[in-house]
Amino acid sequence: MKKLFEPKDYAQKITTPAGKARWASLSTPKGFQGDDKEHYLCNILLTEEEAQPIIDTITGIQEKLIDMCGKEERNMRRSHFNPWSTHADDERVPEGFVQFKTKKRHFPAKEGKPASRPVDTYVDGKKVDWSKVDYDSIGNDSVIRLGIVATPYYVPTLGLGVTLKLQAVKVIELQKFSAENSANFDAEFSDGESTTAATSSDDDNYFD
């Protein structure tokens, strides 16, 4: 099948406003429901007003690609899988807020190459060394900002979607999360999208 576009050519970097963390797994990758791939994960909860510019960026990427590729792929449509949800989509999202799903693909060690690194996470201005802290991840209601890359994907059976690739996390107010108090939340991240490999922008420093 002919490749209609190069995803990285239409990707856009985004630094979110401060919001509340949800379902973070930044040091240990998680498997998606029905998928053999693993990802580092972190959702962020923003007010509707704060969320709208990010939604506009995502839909703008889709509109541009549909306009560009429509002549070659007449059936191209937006995917119904969005990387955000509201209270209307999920009653666990408070009214007046939007929750964005972000992730970073984990690649295991293979053929002499090391495994991919955990998400760069900064607390008190310092990068977290997960082997030296007394918690396993950033807990719900931690106040955070995320560095992400909105990257389009197209699967004919699913449509044209955008995935939010997680690049870095800045923690403003920390709520520690310990695995001994964990709940099973793998199902939170079953969204049907096609995931592509992380790009070189994974090493960008979002929080100078």
C-alpha atoms as a PDB file:
ATOM      1  CA  MET A   1       0.000   0.000   0.000  1.00  0.00           C
ATOM      2  CA  LYS A   2       1.282   3.440  -0.928  1.00  0.00           C
ATOM      3  CA  LYS A   3       2.355   5.588   2.013  1.00  0.00           C
ATOM      4  CA  LEU A   4       0.285   8.759   1.846  1.00  0.00           C
ATOM      5  CA  PHE A   5       2.430  10.895   4.158  1.00  0.00           C
ATOM      6  CA  GLU A   6       5.431  10.810   6.479  1.00  0.00           C
ATOM      7  CA  PRO A   7       4.078  11.203  10.047  1.00  0.00           C
ATOM      8  CA  LYS A   8       7.109  13.079  11.405  1.00  0.00           C
ATOM      9  CA  ASP A   9       6.713  15.760   8.723  1.00  0.00           C
ATOM     10  CA  TYR A  10       3.364  16.767  10.238  1.00  0.00           C
ATOM     11  CA  ALA A  11       4.128  16.181  13.908  1.00  0.00           C
ATOM     12  CA  GLN A  12       3.938  19.162  16.273  1.00  0.00           C
ATOM     13  CA  LYS A  13       5.617  19.645  19.630  1.00  0.00           C
ATOM     14  CA  ILE A  14       3.399  20.711  22.512  1.00  0.00           C
ATOM     15  CA  THR A  15       4.191  21.707  26.079  1.00  0.00           C
ATOM     16  CA  THR A  16       1.040  21.481  28.164  1.00  0.00           C
ATOM     17  CA  PRO A  17      -0.079  23.861  30.869  1.00  0.00           C
ATOM     18  CA  ALA A  18       0.108  22.566  34.434  1.00  0.00           C
ATOM     19  CA  GLY A  19      -2.519  19.924  35.109  1.00  0.00           C
ATOM     20  CA  LYS A  20      -3.168  16.864  37.247  1.00  0.00           C
ATOM     21  CA  ALA A  21      -1.501  13.532  36.525  1.00  0.00           C
ATOM     22  CA  ARG A  22      -3.599  10.451  35.866  1.00  0.00           C
ATOM     23  CA  TRP A  23      -2.482   6.803  35.538  1.00  0.00           C
ATOM     24  CA  ALA A  24       1.238   7.513  35.157  1.00  0.00           C
ATOM     25  CA  SER A  25       3.661   4.657  34.521  1.00  0.00           C
ATOM     26  CA  LEU A  26       6.953   6.395  33.818  1.00  0.00           C
ATOM     27  CA  SER A  27       9.578   3.927  35.026  1.00  0.00           C
ATOM     28  CA  THR A  28       7.940   0.612  34.088  1.00  0.00           C
ATOM     29  CA  PRO A  29       6.227   0.130  30.710  1.00  0.00           C
ATOM     30  CA  LYS A  30       2.702  -1.252  30.547  1.00  0.00           C
ATOM     31  CA  GLY A  31       1.035  -3.441  27.948  1.00  0.00           C
ATOM     32  CA  PHE A  32      -2.077  -2.235  26.161  1.00  0.00           C
ATOM     33  CA  GLN A  33      -5.149  -4.431  26.172  1.00  0.00           C
ATOM     34  CA  GLY A  34      -4.956  -6.729  23.144  1.00  0.00           C
ATOM     35  CA  ASP A  35      -1.505  -5.451  22.127  1.00  0.00           C
ATOM     36  CA  ASP A  36       1.875  -7.131  22.590  1.00  0.00           C
ATOM     37  CA  LYS A  37       3.692  -3.766  22.599  1.00  0.00           C
ATOM     38  CA  GLU A  38       4.559  -1.962  25.817  1.00  0.00           C
ATOM     39  CA  HIS A  39       4.473   1.763  26.561  1.00  0.00           C
ATOM     40  CA  TYR A  40       5.370   4.294  29.213  1.00  0.00           C
ATOM     41  CA  LEU A  41       2.210   6.219  30.025  1.00  0.00           C
ATOM     42  CA  CYS A  42       0.878   9.387  31.571  1.00  0.00           C
ATOM     43  CA  ASN A  43      -2.474  11.136  31.266  1.00  0.00           C
ATOM     44  CA  ILE A  44      -3.030  14.766  32.167  1.00  0.00           C
ATOM     45  CA  LEU A  45      -6.231  16.467  33.280  1.00  0.00           C
ATOM     46  CA  LEU A  46      -6.747  20.052  32.072  1.00  0.00           C
ATOM     47  CA  THR A  47      -9.641  22.482  32.181  1.00  0.00           C
ATOM     48  CA  GLU A  48     -11.684  22.772  28.993  1.00  0.00           C
ATOM     49  CA  GLU A  49     -10.236  26.236  28.374  1.00  0.00           C
ATOM     50  CA  GLU A  50      -6.647  25.008  28.771  1.00  0.00           C
ATOM     51  CA  ALA A  51      -7.338  21.936  26.652  1.00  0.00           C
ATOM     52  CA  GLN A  52      -8.875  23.694  23.651  1.00  0.00           C
ATOM     53  CA  PRO A  53      -5.604  24.906  22.020  1.00  0.00           C
ATOM     54  CA  ILE A  54      -4.241  21.333  22.181  1.00  0.00           C
ATOM     55  CA  ILE A  55      -7.429  19.936  20.647  1.00  0.00           C
ATOM     56  CA  ASP A  56      -7.228  22.623  17.948  1.00  0.00           C
ATOM     57  CA  THR A  57      -3.644  21.599  17.157  1.00  0.00           C
ATOM     58  CA  ILE A  58      -4.651  17.926  16.845  1.00  0.00           C
ATOM     59  CA  THR A  59      -7.674  18.601  14.628  1.00  0.00           C
ATOM     60  CA  GLY A  60      -5.594  21.063  12.593  1.00  0.00           C
ATOM     61  CA  ILE A  61      -3.107  18.298  11.748  1.00  0.00           C
ATOM     62  CA  GLN A  62      -5.976  16.077  10.630  1.00  0.00           C
ATOM     63  CA  GLU A  63      -7.623  18.797   8.535  1.00  0.00           C
ATOM     64  CA  LYS A  64      -4.358  19.562   6.761  1.00  0.00           C
ATOM     65  CA  LEU A  65      -3.738  15.912   5.901  1.00  0.00           C
ATOM     66  CA  ILE A  66      -7.294  15.255   4.764  1.00  0.00           C
ATOM     67  CA  ASP A  67      -7.077  18.287   2.498  1.00  0.00           C
ATOM     68  CA  MET A  68      -3.700  17.152   1.141  1.00  0.00           C
ATOM     69  CA  CYS A  69      -4.406  13.425   0.761  1.00  0.00           C
ATOM     70  CA  GLY A  70      -8.088  13.496  -0.099  1.00  0.00           C
ATOM     71  CA  LYS A  71      -7.479  13.249  -3.837  1.00  0.00           C
ATOM     72  CA  GLU A  72      -5.422  10.073  -3.429  1.00  0.00           C
ATOM     73  CA  GLU A  73      -7.468   8.467  -0.657  1.00  0.00           C
ATOM     74  CA  ARG A  74     -11.080   9.481  -1.219  1.00  0.00           C
ATOM     75  CA  ASN A  75     -12.292   7.512   1.772  1.00  0.00           C
ATOM     76  CA  MET A  76      -9.866   9.157   4.215  1.00  0.00           C
ATOM     77  CA  ARG A  77     -11.722  10.194   7.341  1.00  0.00           C
ATOM     78  CA  ARG A  78     -10.895  11.161  10.882  1.00  0.00           C
ATOM     79  CA  SER A  79     -10.520   8.297  13.310  1.00  0.00           C
ATOM     80  CA  HIS A  80     -13.160   8.168  16.031  1.00  0.00           C
ATOM     81  CA  PHE A  81     -10.347   7.361  18.492  1.00  0.00           C
ATOM     82  CA  ASN A  82      -9.307  10.704  20.003  1.00  0.00           C
ATOM     83  CA  PRO A  83      -6.332  11.069  22.356  1.00  0.00           C
ATOM     84  CA  TRP A  84      -8.573  12.934  24.800  1.00  0.00           C
ATOM     85  CA  SER A  85     -11.803  12.296  26.679  1.00  0.00           C
ATOM     86  CA  THR A  86     -14.398  14.421  28.475  1.00  0.00           C
ATOM     87  CA  HIS A  87     -17.046  13.636  31.077  1.00  0.00           C
ATOM     88  CA  ALA A  88     -19.412  12.780  28.213  1.00  0.00           C
ATOM     89  CA  ASP A  89     -16.954  10.086  27.080  1.00  0.00           C
ATOM     90  CA  ASP A  90     -15.932   8.832  30.514  1.00  0.00           C
ATOM     91  CA  GLU A  91     -17.789   9.667  33.707  1.00  0.00           C
ATOM     92  CA  ARG A  92     -14.516   9.425  35.641  1.00  0.00           C
ATOM     93  CA  VAL A  93     -13.370  12.643  33.944  1.00  0.00           C
ATOM     94  CA  PRO A  94     -14.774  15.565  35.992  1.00  0.00           C
ATOM     95  CA  GLU A  95     -17.228  17.879  34.271  1.00  0.00           C
ATOM     96  CA  GLY A  96     -15.476  20.910  32.796  1.00  0.00           C
ATOM     97  CA  PHE A  97     -12.199  19.016  32.294  1.00  0.00           C
ATOM     98  CA  VAL A  98     -10.468  17.158  29.471  1.00  0.00           C
ATOM     99  CA  GLN A  99      -8.112  14.209  29.961  1.00  0.00           C
ATOM    100  CA  PHE A 100      -5.350  13.663  27.396  1.00  0.00           C
ATOM    101  CA  LYS A 101      -3.735  10.248  26.896  1.00  0.00           C
ATOM    102  CA  THR A 102       0.000  10.244  26.202  1.00  0.00           C
ATOM    103  CA  LYS A 103       2.488   7.424  25.802  1.00  0.00           C
ATOM    104  CA  LYS A 104       5.999   6.485  24.750  1.00  0.00           C
ATOM    105  CA  ARG A 105       6.800   3.160  23.102  1.00  0.00           C
ATOM    106  CA  HIS A 106       9.152   0.874  24.985  1.00  0.00           C
ATOM    107  CA  PHE A 107      11.592  -1.191  22.945  1.00  0.00           C
ATOM    108  CA  PRO A 108      13.302  -4.149  24.678  1.00  0.00           C
ATOM    109  CA  ALA A 109      16.997  -4.820  24.287  1.00  0.00           C
ATOM    110  CA  LYS A 110      17.675  -6.564  20.988  1.00  0.00           C
ATOM    111  CA  GLU A 111      20.710  -7.622  18.946  1.00  0.00           C
ATOM    112  CA  GLY A 112      23.184  -5.759  21.120  1.00  0.00           C
ATOM    113  CA  LYS A 113      21.071  -2.608  21.340  1.00  0.00           C
ATOM    114  CA  PRO A 114      20.004  -1.493  24.829  1.00  0.00           C
ATOM    115  CA  ALA A 115      16.353  -1.193  25.820  1.00  0.00           C
ATOM    116  CA  SER A 116      14.734   2.193  25.396  1.00  0.00           C
ATOM    117  CA  ARG A 117      14.920   4.520  28.360  1.00  0.00           C
ATOM    118  CA  PRO A 118      12.089   5.481  30.706  1.00  0.00           C
ATOM    119  CA  VAL A 119      10.434   8.850  30.215  1.00  0.00           C
ATOM    120  CA  ASP A 120      12.601  11.795  31.278  1.00  0.00           C
ATOM    121  CA  THR A 121      10.960  12.967  34.510  1.00  0.00           C
ATOM    122  CA  TYR A 122      12.019  16.036  36.494  1.00  0.00           C
ATOM    123  CA  VAL A 123      11.266  16.693  40.161  1.00  0.00           C
ATOM    124  CA  ASP A 124      12.622  19.840  41.858  1.00  0.00           C
ATOM    125  CA  GLY A 125      14.489  20.627  38.655  1.00  0.00           C
ATOM    126  CA  LYS A 126      16.435  17.352  38.693  1.00  0.00           C
ATOM    127  CA  LYS A 127      16.012  14.330  36.461  1.00  0.00           C
ATOM    128  CA  VAL A 128      14.669  11.375  38.430  1.00  0.00           C
ATOM    129  CA  ASP A 129      16.864   8.301  38.808  1.00  0.00           C
ATOM    130  CA  TRP A 130      14.162   5.711  39.413  1.00  0.00           C
ATOM    131  CA  SER A 131      16.613   3.330  41.076  1.00  0.00           C
ATOM    132  CA  LYS A 132      17.295   5.849  43.840  1.00  0.00           C
ATOM    133  CA  VAL A 133      13.862   7.155  44.856  1.00  0.00           C
ATOM    134  CA  ASP A 134      11.373   5.716  47.353  1.00  0.00           C
ATOM    135  CA  TYR A 135       8.413   5.681  44.965  1.00  0.00           C
ATOM    136  CA  ASP A 136       7.576   3.885  41.726  1.00  0.00           C
ATOM    137  CA  SER A 137       5.911   6.632  39.722  1.00  0.00           C
ATOM    138  CA  ILE A 138       4.048   9.924  39.826  1.00  0.00           C
ATOM    139  CA  GLY A 139       0.722   9.471  41.567  1.00  0.00           C
ATOM    140  CA  ASN A 140      -2.715  10.737  40.583  1.00  0.00           C
ATOM    141  CA  ASP A 141      -3.268  14.424  41.420  1.00  0.00           C
ATOM    142  CA  SER A 142       0.421  15.272  41.129  1.00  0.00           C
ATOM    143  CA  VAL A 143       0.623  18.633  39.368  1.00  0.00           C
ATOM    144  CA  ILE A 144       2.633  18.217  36.168  1.00  0.00           C
ATOM    145  CA  ARG A 145       3.427  19.618  32.758  1.00  0.00           C
ATOM    146  CA  LEU A 146       4.061  17.338  29.785  1.00  0.00           C
ATOM    147  CA  GLY A 147       6.294  17.649  26.759  1.00  0.00           C
ATOM    148  CA  ILE A 148       4.576  15.751  23.944  1.00  0.00           C
ATOM    149  CA  VAL A 149       4.643  15.401  20.174  1.00  0.00           C
ATOM    150  CA  ALA A 150       1.279  15.202  18.378  1.00  0.00           C
ATOM    151  CA  THR A 151       1.956  12.706  15.570  1.00  0.00           C
ATOM    152  CA  PRO A 152      -0.547  11.605  12.912  1.00  0.00           C
ATOM    153  CA  TYR A 153      -1.162   8.013  11.826  1.00  0.00           C
ATOM    154  CA  TYR A 154      -3.429   6.523   9.183  1.00  0.00           C
ATOM    155  CA  VAL A 155      -4.958   3.065   9.118  1.00  0.00           C
ATOM    156  CA  PRO A 156      -7.679   2.590   6.464  1.00  0.00           C
ATOM    157  CA  THR A 157      -9.874   0.550   8.808  1.00  0.00           C
ATOM    158  CA  LEU A 158      -9.529   3.092  11.634  1.00  0.00           C
ATOM    159  CA  GLY A 159      -9.066   6.404   9.843  1.00  0.00           C
ATOM    160  CA  LEU A 160      -6.718   9.337  10.332  1.00  0.00           C
ATOM    161  CA  GLY A 161      -5.798   9.819  13.966  1.00  0.00           C
ATOM    162  CA  VAL A 162      -3.218  11.579  16.089  1.00  0.00           C
ATOM    163  CA  THR A 163      -1.247   9.997  18.908  1.00  0.00           C
ATOM    164  CA  LEU A 164       0.392  12.042  21.669  1.00  0.00           C
ATOM    165  CA  LYS A 165       3.941  10.782  22.106  1.00  0.00           C
ATOM    166  CA  LEU A 166       5.204  11.424  25.604  1.00  0.00           C
ATOM    167  CA  GLN A 167       8.655  12.999  25.714  1.00  0.00           C
ATOM    168  CA  ALA A 168       9.156  14.467  29.187  1.00  0.00           C
ATOM    169  CA  VAL A 169       7.379  15.174  32.470  1.00  0.00           C
ATOM    170  CA  LYS A 170       7.969  18.119  34.801  1.00  0.00           C
ATOM    171  CA  VAL A 171       6.552  17.594  38.281  1.00  0.00           C
ATOM    172  CA  ILE A 172       5.427  20.753  40.064  1.00  0.00           C
ATOM    173  CA  GLU A 173       3.699  19.111  43.043  1.00  0.00           C
ATOM    174  CA  LEU A 174       4.509  15.463  43.725  1.00  0.00           C
ATOM    175  CA  GLN A 175       2.151  12.804  45.010  1.00  0.00           C
ATOM    176  CA  LYS A 176       4.197   9.631  45.326  1.00  0.00           C
ATOM    177  CA  PHE A 177       2.863   6.385  43.877  1.00  0.00           C
ATOM    178  CA  SER A 178       3.870   2.978  45.253  1.00  0.00           C
ATOM    179  CA  ALA A 179       3.164  -0.286  43.448  1.00  0.00           C
ATOM    180  CA  GLU A 180       2.001  -1.924  46.665  1.00  0.00           C
ATOM    181  CA  ASN A 181      -1.049   0.360  46.551  1.00  0.00           C
ATOM    182  CA  SER A 182      -1.567   0.003  42.810  1.00  0.00           C
ATOM    183  CA  ALA A 183      -4.764  -0.786  40.926  1.00  0.00           C
ATOM    184  CA  ASN A 184      -5.029  -2.578  37.604  1.00  0.00           C
ATOM    185  CA  PHE A 185      -5.387   0.199  35.047  1.00  0.00           C
ATOM    186  CA  ASP A 186      -4.018  -1.397  31.861  1.00  0.00           C
ATOM    187  CA  ALA A 187      -7.493  -1.178  30.326  1.00  0.00           C
ATOM    188  CA  GLU A 188      -7.388   2.620  30.662  1.00  0.00           C
ATOM    189  CA  PHE A 189      -5.134   2.773  27.602  1.00  0.00           C
ATOM    190  CA  SER A 190      -6.907   0.578  25.060  1.00  0.00           C
ATOM    191  CA  ASP A 191      -7.586   3.118  22.303  1.00  0.00           C
ATOM    192  CA  GLY A 192      -7.187   1.175  19.057  1.00  0.00           C
ATOM    193  CA  GLU A 193      -4.585   3.424  17.510  1.00  0.00           C
ATOM    194  CA  SER A 194      -1.566   2.406  15.472  1.00  0.00           C
ATOM    195  CA  THR A 195       1.707   3.209  17.179  1.00  0.00           C
ATOM    196  CA  THR A 196       4.897   4.156  15.373  1.00  0.00           C
ATOM    197  CA  ALA A 197       8.443   4.147  16.676  1.00  0.00           C
ATOM    198  CA  ALA A 198       9.678   7.044  18.772  1.00  0.00           C
ATOM    199  CA  THR A 199      11.469   9.779  16.848  1.00  0.00           C
ATOM    200  CA  SER A 200      14.730  11.567  17.517  1.00  0.00           C
ATOM    201  CA  SER A 201      12.768  14.303  19.276  1.00  0.00           C
ATOM    202  CA  ASP A 202      12.545  11.963  22.292  1.00  0.00           C
ATOM    203  CA  ASP A 203      15.763  13.540  23.529  1.00  0.00           C
ATOM    204  CA  ASP A 204      14.563  17.145  23.298  1.00  0.00           C
ATOM    205  CA  ASN A 205      14.697  19.120  26.534  1.00  0.00           C
ATOM    206  CA  TYR A 206      11.219  20.600  26.948  1.00  0.00           C
ATOM    207  CA  PHE A 207      11.838  22.266  30.282  1.00  0.00           C
ATOM    208  CA  ASP A 208      14.870  24.526  30.099  1.00  0.00           C
END
